[in-house]
Amino acid sequence: MGNLYIVATPIGNLKDITLRAIEILKSVDLVLAEDTRVAKKLLNCFDISKPVWRYDEYAPESFYEKIKEVLAEGENIALVTDAGTPAIADPGSKLTSFIQKEMPEVKIIPIPGPSALIAAFSAAGVNAAQFTFLGYPPHKKGRQTFFRGLKEIKIRPFVFYESPHRVEKTFKSLGENFGSDTEIIVARELTKIHEEIWRGTAKTALTYFQGEKKKGEFVIIVV
């Protein structure tokens, strides 16, 4: 019976990959990735040649059955995401849940490493002994309900991810629901050349994050 490894990968700087992650990626028989192009680029950087299969939230039931067959044959599988730790705001949790239920004898082994969430908190200057993580807000349907519901959260700070395409609307929604002077911390392009950790208000964020500063993936912490 094979093992399923949950392998964290760099969120920007490829030097952040761990020695153990490289060792596991070299040893497995198959790599599952949300974007095979991103995964192959990473593997090529470390001279690793492995078959890479696409796995995302739209994977059909037949795909899961095929994974069962691979593991049953004794082959080892590594699950990676485009950046960071799989199954955190990522469809990887569907696969691990399936394997736990259908093949409880399979070992699911986490290979820890980079996480945008933890990286942002480590440099944010806020007490993160307790916090609420919300993943990504809904893209379209349910966004207003999502932001209104944030007022009911009792454990602060709360943190979520956002894409550059919706971040301006997000700052406006935070201002509308918490007041334009609500304090936020924005981490952008973590571990990359234009990395930035900014502190201000929902109102000032609207004018600050324009043009080039509206590019990249965002981690938003509401204090």
C-alpha atoms as a PDB file:
ATOM      1  CA  MET A   1       0.000   0.000   0.000  1.00  0.00           C
ATOM      2  CA  GLY A   2       1.381   3.388  -0.995  1.00  0.00           C
ATOM      3  CA  ASN A   3       1.544   6.625   0.979  1.00  0.00           C
ATOM      4  CA  LEU A   4      -0.031   9.994   0.207  1.00  0.00           C
ATOM      5  CA  TYR A   5       2.302  12.913   0.970  1.00  0.00           C
ATOM      6  CA  ILE A   6       0.912  16.434   1.399  1.00  0.00           C
ATOM      7  CA  VAL A   7       3.857  18.555   0.288  1.00  0.00           C
ATOM      8  CA  ALA A   8       4.100  22.292   0.966  1.00  0.00           C
ATOM      9  CA  THR A   9       5.832  24.231  -1.801  1.00  0.00           C
ATOM     10  CA  PRO A  10       7.249  27.794  -2.014  1.00  0.00           C
ATOM     11  CA  ILE A  11       4.808  30.699  -2.215  1.00  0.00           C
ATOM     12  CA  GLY A  12       7.280  32.734  -4.240  1.00  0.00           C
ATOM     13  CA  ASN A  13      10.957  32.281  -3.468  1.00  0.00           C
ATOM     14  CA  LEU A  14      11.970  28.798  -4.592  1.00  0.00           C
ATOM     15  CA  LYS A  15      14.713  28.727  -1.961  1.00  0.00           C
ATOM     16  CA  ASP A  16      12.001  28.309   0.659  1.00  0.00           C
ATOM     17  CA  ILE A  17      11.416  24.696  -0.313  1.00  0.00           C
ATOM     18  CA  THR A  18      12.521  22.297   2.418  1.00  0.00           C
ATOM     19  CA  LEU A  19      15.124  19.572   2.050  1.00  0.00           C
ATOM     20  CA  ARG A  20      12.488  17.050   3.063  1.00  0.00           C
ATOM     21  CA  ALA A  21      10.070  18.274   0.379  1.00  0.00           C
ATOM     22  CA  ILE A  22      12.750  17.795  -2.287  1.00  0.00           C
ATOM     23  CA  GLU A  23      13.541  14.331  -0.937  1.00  0.00           C
ATOM     24  CA  ILE A  24       9.878  13.284  -1.030  1.00  0.00           C
ATOM     25  CA  LEU A  25       9.258  14.701  -4.514  1.00  0.00           C
ATOM     26  CA  LYS A  26      12.256  12.738  -5.775  1.00  0.00           C
ATOM     27  CA  SER A  27      11.037   9.513  -4.183  1.00  0.00           C
ATOM     28  CA  VAL A  28       7.339   9.410  -5.102  1.00  0.00           C
ATOM     29  CA  ASP A  29       5.902   7.751  -8.179  1.00  0.00           C
ATOM     30  CA  LEU A  30       3.314  10.419  -9.021  1.00  0.00           C
ATOM     31  CA  VAL A  31       2.681  14.103  -8.339  1.00  0.00           C
ATOM     32  CA  LEU A  32      -0.812  15.613  -8.212  1.00  0.00           C
ATOM     33  CA  ALA A  33      -1.056  19.354  -8.891  1.00  0.00           C
ATOM     34  CA  GLU A  34      -3.758  21.954  -9.415  1.00  0.00           C
ATOM     35  CA  ASP A  35      -1.741  23.456 -12.279  1.00  0.00           C
ATOM     36  CA  THR A  36       0.641  20.976 -13.903  1.00  0.00           C
ATOM     37  CA  ARG A  37       2.649  23.763 -15.547  1.00  0.00           C
ATOM     38  CA  VAL A  38       3.459  25.341 -12.185  1.00  0.00           C
ATOM     39  CA  ALA A  39       4.356  21.976 -10.677  1.00  0.00           C
ATOM     40  CA  LYS A  40       6.612  21.002 -13.586  1.00  0.00           C
ATOM     41  CA  LYS A  41       8.436  24.317 -13.345  1.00  0.00           C
ATOM     42  CA  LEU A  42       9.159  23.632  -9.687  1.00  0.00           C
ATOM     43  CA  LEU A  43      10.251  20.055 -10.343  1.00  0.00           C
ATOM     44  CA  ASN A  44      12.528  21.140 -13.180  1.00  0.00           C
ATOM     45  CA  CYS A  45      14.273  23.632 -10.894  1.00  0.00           C
ATOM     46  CA  PHE A  46      15.384  20.738  -8.711  1.00  0.00           C
ATOM     47  CA  ASP A  47      16.055  18.275 -11.547  1.00  0.00           C
ATOM     48  CA  ILE A  48      13.102  16.101 -10.617  1.00  0.00           C
ATOM     49  CA  SER A  49      11.356  14.148 -13.346  1.00  0.00           C
ATOM     50  CA  LYS A  50       8.008  12.643 -12.361  1.00  0.00           C
ATOM     51  CA  PRO A  51       4.615  12.172 -13.984  1.00  0.00           C
ATOM     52  CA  VAL A  52       2.307  15.019 -12.983  1.00  0.00           C
ATOM     53  CA  TRP A  53      -1.471  14.652 -13.043  1.00  0.00           C
ATOM     54  CA  ARG A  54      -3.887  17.544 -12.822  1.00  0.00           C
ATOM     55  CA  TYR A  55      -6.043  17.509  -9.710  1.00  0.00           C
ATOM     56  CA  ASP A  56      -8.520  20.263  -8.855  1.00  0.00           C
ATOM     57  CA  GLU A  57     -11.959  20.738  -7.317  1.00  0.00           C
ATOM     58  CA  TYR A  58     -13.620  19.604 -10.550  1.00  0.00           C
ATOM     59  CA  ALA A  59     -11.953  16.189 -10.630  1.00  0.00           C
ATOM     60  CA  PRO A  60     -14.583  13.533 -11.507  1.00  0.00           C
ATOM     61  CA  GLU A  61     -15.341  10.489  -9.346  1.00  0.00           C
ATOM     62  CA  SER A  62     -13.398   8.324 -11.799  1.00  0.00           C
ATOM     63  CA  PHE A  63     -10.225  10.264 -10.939  1.00  0.00           C
ATOM     64  CA  TYR A  64     -10.537   9.407  -7.263  1.00  0.00           C
ATOM     65  CA  GLU A  65     -11.005   5.753  -8.141  1.00  0.00           C
ATOM     66  CA  LYS A  66      -7.849   5.885 -10.239  1.00  0.00           C
ATOM     67  CA  ILE A  67      -5.926   7.326  -7.272  1.00  0.00           C
ATOM     68  CA  LYS A  68      -7.183   4.418  -5.174  1.00  0.00           C
ATOM     69  CA  GLU A  69      -5.784   2.003  -7.742  1.00  0.00           C
ATOM     70  CA  VAL A  70      -2.383   3.720  -7.757  1.00  0.00           C
ATOM     71  CA  LEU A  71      -2.120   3.613  -3.965  1.00  0.00           C
ATOM     72  CA  ALA A  72      -3.373   0.026  -3.826  1.00  0.00           C
ATOM     73  CA  GLU A  73      -0.550  -0.978  -6.158  1.00  0.00           C
ATOM     74  CA  GLY A  74       1.939   0.326  -3.605  1.00  0.00           C
ATOM     75  CA  GLU A  75       2.911   3.500  -5.413  1.00  0.00           C
ATOM     76  CA  ASN A  76       3.499   6.719  -3.460  1.00  0.00           C
ATOM     77  CA  ILE A  77       1.797  10.001  -4.378  1.00  0.00           C
ATOM     78  CA  ALA A  78       2.675  13.613  -3.563  1.00  0.00           C
ATOM     79  CA  LEU A  79      -0.032  16.262  -3.545  1.00  0.00           C
ATOM     80  CA  VAL A  80       1.151  19.833  -4.157  1.00  0.00           C
ATOM     81  CA  THR A  81      -0.638  23.105  -4.718  1.00  0.00           C
ATOM     82  CA  ASP A  82       0.404  26.068  -6.868  1.00  0.00           C
ATOM     83  CA  ALA A  83       1.992  27.726  -3.838  1.00  0.00           C
ATOM     84  CA  GLY A  84       2.018  27.010  -0.125  1.00  0.00           C
ATOM     85  CA  THR A  85       0.449  24.194   1.842  1.00  0.00           C
ATOM     86  CA  PRO A  86      -2.126  21.946   0.136  1.00  0.00           C
ATOM     87  CA  ALA A  87      -5.644  21.660   1.613  1.00  0.00           C
ATOM     88  CA  ILE A  88      -5.511  25.196   3.095  1.00  0.00           C
ATOM     89  CA  ALA A  89      -8.078  27.176   1.068  1.00  0.00           C
ATOM     90  CA  ASP A  90      -7.400  24.513  -1.542  1.00  0.00           C
ATOM     91  CA  PRO A  91      -9.279  21.474  -2.943  1.00  0.00           C
ATOM     92  CA  GLY A  92      -6.682  19.111  -1.483  1.00  0.00           C
ATOM     93  CA  SER A  93      -8.927  18.538   1.531  1.00  0.00           C
ATOM     94  CA  LYS A  94     -11.390  16.683  -0.716  1.00  0.00           C
ATOM     95  CA  LEU A  95      -8.720  14.172  -1.641  1.00  0.00           C
ATOM     96  CA  THR A  96      -7.442  13.618   1.906  1.00  0.00           C
ATOM     97  CA  SER A  97     -11.011  13.179   3.162  1.00  0.00           C
ATOM     98  CA  PHE A  98     -11.727  10.650   0.406  1.00  0.00           C
ATOM     99  CA  ILE A  99      -8.617   8.609   1.188  1.00  0.00           C
ATOM    100  CA  GLN A 100      -9.328   8.662   4.932  1.00  0.00           C
ATOM    101  CA  LYS A 101     -12.787   7.217   4.319  1.00  0.00           C
ATOM    102  CA  GLU A 102     -12.083   4.850   1.435  1.00  0.00           C
ATOM    103  CA  MET A 103      -8.558   3.688   2.283  1.00  0.00           C
ATOM    104  CA  PRO A 104      -7.970   4.143   6.023  1.00  0.00           C
ATOM    105  CA  GLU A 105      -4.897   1.913   5.812  1.00  0.00           C
ATOM    106  CA  VAL A 106      -3.113   4.498   3.622  1.00  0.00           C
ATOM    107  CA  LYS A 107      -0.783   6.824   5.509  1.00  0.00           C
ATOM    108  CA  ILE A 108      -1.388  10.499   4.799  1.00  0.00           C
ATOM    109  CA  ILE A 109       1.874  12.225   5.663  1.00  0.00           C
ATOM    110  CA  PRO A 110       2.197  16.043   5.885  1.00  0.00           C
ATOM    111  CA  ILE A 111       5.452  17.580   4.692  1.00  0.00           C
ATOM    112  CA  PRO A 112       5.211  21.057   6.279  1.00  0.00           C
ATOM    113  CA  GLY A 113       6.598  24.206   4.789  1.00  0.00           C
ATOM    114  CA  PRO A 114       5.574  27.626   3.434  1.00  0.00           C
ATOM    115  CA  SER A 115       2.160  29.135   4.153  1.00  0.00           C
ATOM    116  CA  ALA A 116       1.133  32.666   3.184  1.00  0.00           C
ATOM    117  CA  LEU A 117      -1.207  32.821   6.172  1.00  0.00           C
ATOM    118  CA  ILE A 118       1.513  32.083   8.735  1.00  0.00           C
ATOM    119  CA  ALA A 119       4.138  34.179   6.948  1.00  0.00           C
ATOM    120  CA  ALA A 120       1.825  37.210   7.046  1.00  0.00           C
ATOM    121  CA  PHE A 121       1.066  36.832  10.739  1.00  0.00           C
ATOM    122  CA  SER A 122       4.715  36.356  11.642  1.00  0.00           C
ATOM    123  CA  ALA A 123       5.553  39.876  10.447  1.00  0.00           C
ATOM    124  CA  ALA A 124       2.222  41.634  11.062  1.00  0.00           C
ATOM    125  CA  GLY A 125       2.908  42.791  14.601  1.00  0.00           C
ATOM    126  CA  VAL A 126      -0.411  41.548  15.998  1.00  0.00           C
ATOM    127  CA  ASN A 127      -1.216  38.972  18.655  1.00  0.00           C
ATOM    128  CA  ALA A 128      -2.059  35.800  16.739  1.00  0.00           C
ATOM    129  CA  ALA A 129      -2.479  33.494  19.733  1.00  0.00           C
ATOM    130  CA  GLN A 130      -6.040  33.151  18.463  1.00  0.00           C
ATOM    131  CA  PHE A 131      -7.419  34.158  15.090  1.00  0.00           C
ATOM    132  CA  THR A 132     -10.130  33.266  12.582  1.00  0.00           C
ATOM    133  CA  PHE A 133      -9.113  32.150   9.089  1.00  0.00           C
ATOM    134  CA  LEU A 134     -11.709  32.526   6.330  1.00  0.00           C
ATOM    135  CA  GLY A 135      -9.967  31.383   3.145  1.00  0.00           C
ATOM    136  CA  TYR A 136     -11.132  33.290   0.047  1.00  0.00           C
ATOM    137  CA  PRO A 137     -14.362  35.341   0.055  1.00  0.00           C
ATOM    138  CA  PRO A 138     -16.937  34.177  -2.521  1.00  0.00           C
ATOM    139  CA  HIS A 139     -16.127  35.450  -6.007  1.00  0.00           C
ATOM    140  CA  LYS A 140     -19.623  36.667  -6.877  1.00  0.00           C
ATOM    141  CA  LYS A 141     -22.702  35.180  -5.243  1.00  0.00           C
ATOM    142  CA  GLY A 142     -22.602  35.503  -1.481  1.00  0.00           C
ATOM    143  CA  ARG A 143     -19.947  38.246  -1.191  1.00  0.00           C
ATOM    144  CA  GLN A 144     -22.255  40.732   0.523  1.00  0.00           C
ATOM    145  CA  THR A 145     -23.443  38.079   2.952  1.00  0.00           C
ATOM    146  CA  PHE A 146     -19.825  37.077   3.626  1.00  0.00           C
ATOM    147  CA  PHE A 147     -18.740  40.603   4.576  1.00  0.00           C
ATOM    148  CA  ARG A 148     -21.850  41.301   6.650  1.00  0.00           C
ATOM    149  CA  GLY A 149     -21.234  38.057   8.504  1.00  0.00           C
ATOM    150  CA  LEU A 150     -17.744  39.149   9.524  1.00  0.00           C
ATOM    151  CA  LYS A 151     -19.317  41.402  12.160  1.00  0.00           C
ATOM    152  CA  GLU A 152     -20.459  38.282  14.012  1.00  0.00           C
ATOM    153  CA  ILE A 153     -16.940  36.876  14.376  1.00  0.00           C
ATOM    154  CA  LYS A 154     -15.924  36.802  18.032  1.00  0.00           C
ATOM    155  CA  ILE A 155     -12.317  35.675  17.697  1.00  0.00           C
ATOM    156  CA  ARG A 156     -10.127  38.447  16.326  1.00  0.00           C
ATOM    157  CA  PRO A 157      -8.050  39.176  14.381  1.00  0.00           C
ATOM    158  CA  PHE A 158      -9.568  37.515  11.342  1.00  0.00           C
ATOM    159  CA  VAL A 159      -7.695  36.917   8.139  1.00  0.00           C
ATOM    160  CA  PHE A 160      -8.520  35.936   4.582  1.00  0.00           C
ATOM    161  CA  TYR A 161      -6.970  35.715   1.121  1.00  0.00           C
ATOM    162  CA  GLU A 162      -7.942  37.872  -1.829  1.00  0.00           C
ATOM    163  CA  SER A 163      -7.026  38.129  -5.499  1.00  0.00           C
ATOM    164  CA  PRO A 164      -5.865  41.366  -7.180  1.00  0.00           C
ATOM    165  CA  HIS A 165      -9.044  41.413  -9.286  1.00  0.00           C
ATOM    166  CA  ARG A 166     -11.330  41.804  -6.269  1.00  0.00           C
ATOM    167  CA  VAL A 167      -9.146  43.472  -3.653  1.00  0.00           C
ATOM    168  CA  GLU A 168     -10.482  46.995  -4.291  1.00  0.00           C
ATOM    169  CA  LYS A 169     -14.062  45.803  -3.783  1.00  0.00           C
ATOM    170  CA  THR A 170     -12.914  44.062  -0.614  1.00  0.00           C
ATOM    171  CA  PHE A 171     -11.498  47.260   0.893  1.00  0.00           C
ATOM    172  CA  LYS A 172     -14.794  49.013   0.092  1.00  0.00           C
ATOM    173  CA  SER A 173     -16.795  46.190   1.723  1.00  0.00           C
ATOM    174  CA  LEU A 174     -14.654  46.321   4.863  1.00  0.00           C
ATOM    175  CA  GLY A 175     -15.193  50.062   5.073  1.00  0.00           C
ATOM    176  CA  GLU A 176     -18.936  49.708   4.610  1.00  0.00           C
ATOM    177  CA  ASN A 177     -19.277  47.021   7.278  1.00  0.00           C
ATOM    178  CA  PHE A 178     -16.684  48.086   9.856  1.00  0.00           C
ATOM    179  CA  GLY A 179     -16.123  51.763   9.142  1.00  0.00           C
ATOM    180  CA  SER A 180     -13.548  53.360   6.871  1.00  0.00           C
ATOM    181  CA  ASP A 181     -11.091  53.735   9.780  1.00  0.00           C
ATOM    182  CA  THR A 182     -10.999  50.048  10.662  1.00  0.00           C
ATOM    183  CA  GLU A 183      -7.385  48.899  10.996  1.00  0.00           C
ATOM    184  CA  ILE A 184      -6.088  46.319   8.551  1.00  0.00           C
ATOM    185  CA  ILE A 185      -2.771  44.736   7.630  1.00  0.00           C
ATOM    186  CA  VAL A 186      -2.161  43.766   4.027  1.00  0.00           C
ATOM    187  CA  ALA A 187       0.582  41.358   2.983  1.00  0.00           C
ATOM    188  CA  ARG A 188       1.248  41.233  -0.748  1.00  0.00           C
ATOM    189  CA  GLU A 189       3.654  39.266  -2.944  1.00  0.00           C
ATOM    190  CA  LEU A 190       5.103  37.430   0.057  1.00  0.00           C
ATOM    191  CA  THR A 191       8.681  36.104  -0.451  1.00  0.00           C
ATOM    192  CA  LYS A 192       8.827  37.714  -3.905  1.00  0.00           C
ATOM    193  CA  ILE A 193      10.793  40.729  -5.180  1.00  0.00           C
ATOM    194  CA  HIS A 194       7.966  43.203  -4.504  1.00  0.00           C
ATOM    195  CA  GLU A 195       6.999  41.773  -1.110  1.00  0.00           C
ATOM    196  CA  GLU A 196       5.124  44.269   1.028  1.00  0.00           C
ATOM    197  CA  ILE A 197       3.500  44.232   4.464  1.00  0.00           C
ATOM    198  CA  TRP A 198       1.397  47.364   4.868  1.00  0.00           C
ATOM    199  CA  ARG A 199      -0.607  48.671   7.824  1.00  0.00           C
ATOM    200  CA  GLY A 200      -3.360  51.256   7.591  1.00  0.00           C
ATOM    201  CA  THR A 201      -7.133  51.616   7.301  1.00  0.00           C
ATOM    202  CA  ALA A 202      -9.702  50.332   4.846  1.00  0.00           C
ATOM    203  CA  LYS A 203     -10.034  53.888   3.531  1.00  0.00           C
ATOM    204  CA  THR A 204      -6.321  54.507   2.941  1.00  0.00           C
ATOM    205  CA  ALA A 205      -5.923  51.035   1.435  1.00  0.00           C
ATOM    206  CA  LEU A 206      -8.263  52.054  -1.377  1.00  0.00           C
ATOM    207  CA  THR A 207      -5.959  54.811  -2.544  1.00  0.00           C
ATOM    208  CA  TYR A 208      -2.677  53.074  -1.702  1.00  0.00           C
ATOM    209  CA  PHE A 209      -3.232  49.802  -3.538  1.00  0.00           C
ATOM    210  CA  GLN A 210      -3.528  51.076  -7.081  1.00  0.00           C
ATOM    211  CA  GLY A 211      -1.549  50.404 -10.246  1.00  0.00           C
ATOM    212  CA  GLU A 212       1.428  48.130  -9.676  1.00  0.00           C
ATOM    213  CA  LYS A 213       0.560  47.810  -5.993  1.00  0.00           C
ATOM    214  CA  LYS A 214      -2.694  46.079  -6.887  1.00  0.00           C
ATOM    215  CA  LYS A 215      -0.833  43.134  -8.381  1.00  0.00           C
ATOM    216  CA  GLY A 216      -0.134  39.812  -6.692  1.00  0.00           C
ATOM    217  CA  GLU A 217      -1.974  37.679  -4.170  1.00  0.00           C
ATOM    218  CA  PHE A 218      -3.141  39.365  -0.964  1.00  0.00           C
ATOM    219  CA  VAL A 219      -3.398  38.292   2.663  1.00  0.00           C
ATOM    220  CA  ILE A 220      -5.680  40.675   4.576  1.00  0.00           C
ATOM    221  CA  ILE A 221      -5.727  40.784   8.380  1.00  0.00           C
ATOM    222  CA  VAL A 222      -8.470  42.751  10.115  1.00  0.00           C
ATOM    223  CA  VAL A 223      -7.442  43.709  13.633  1.00  0.00           C
END
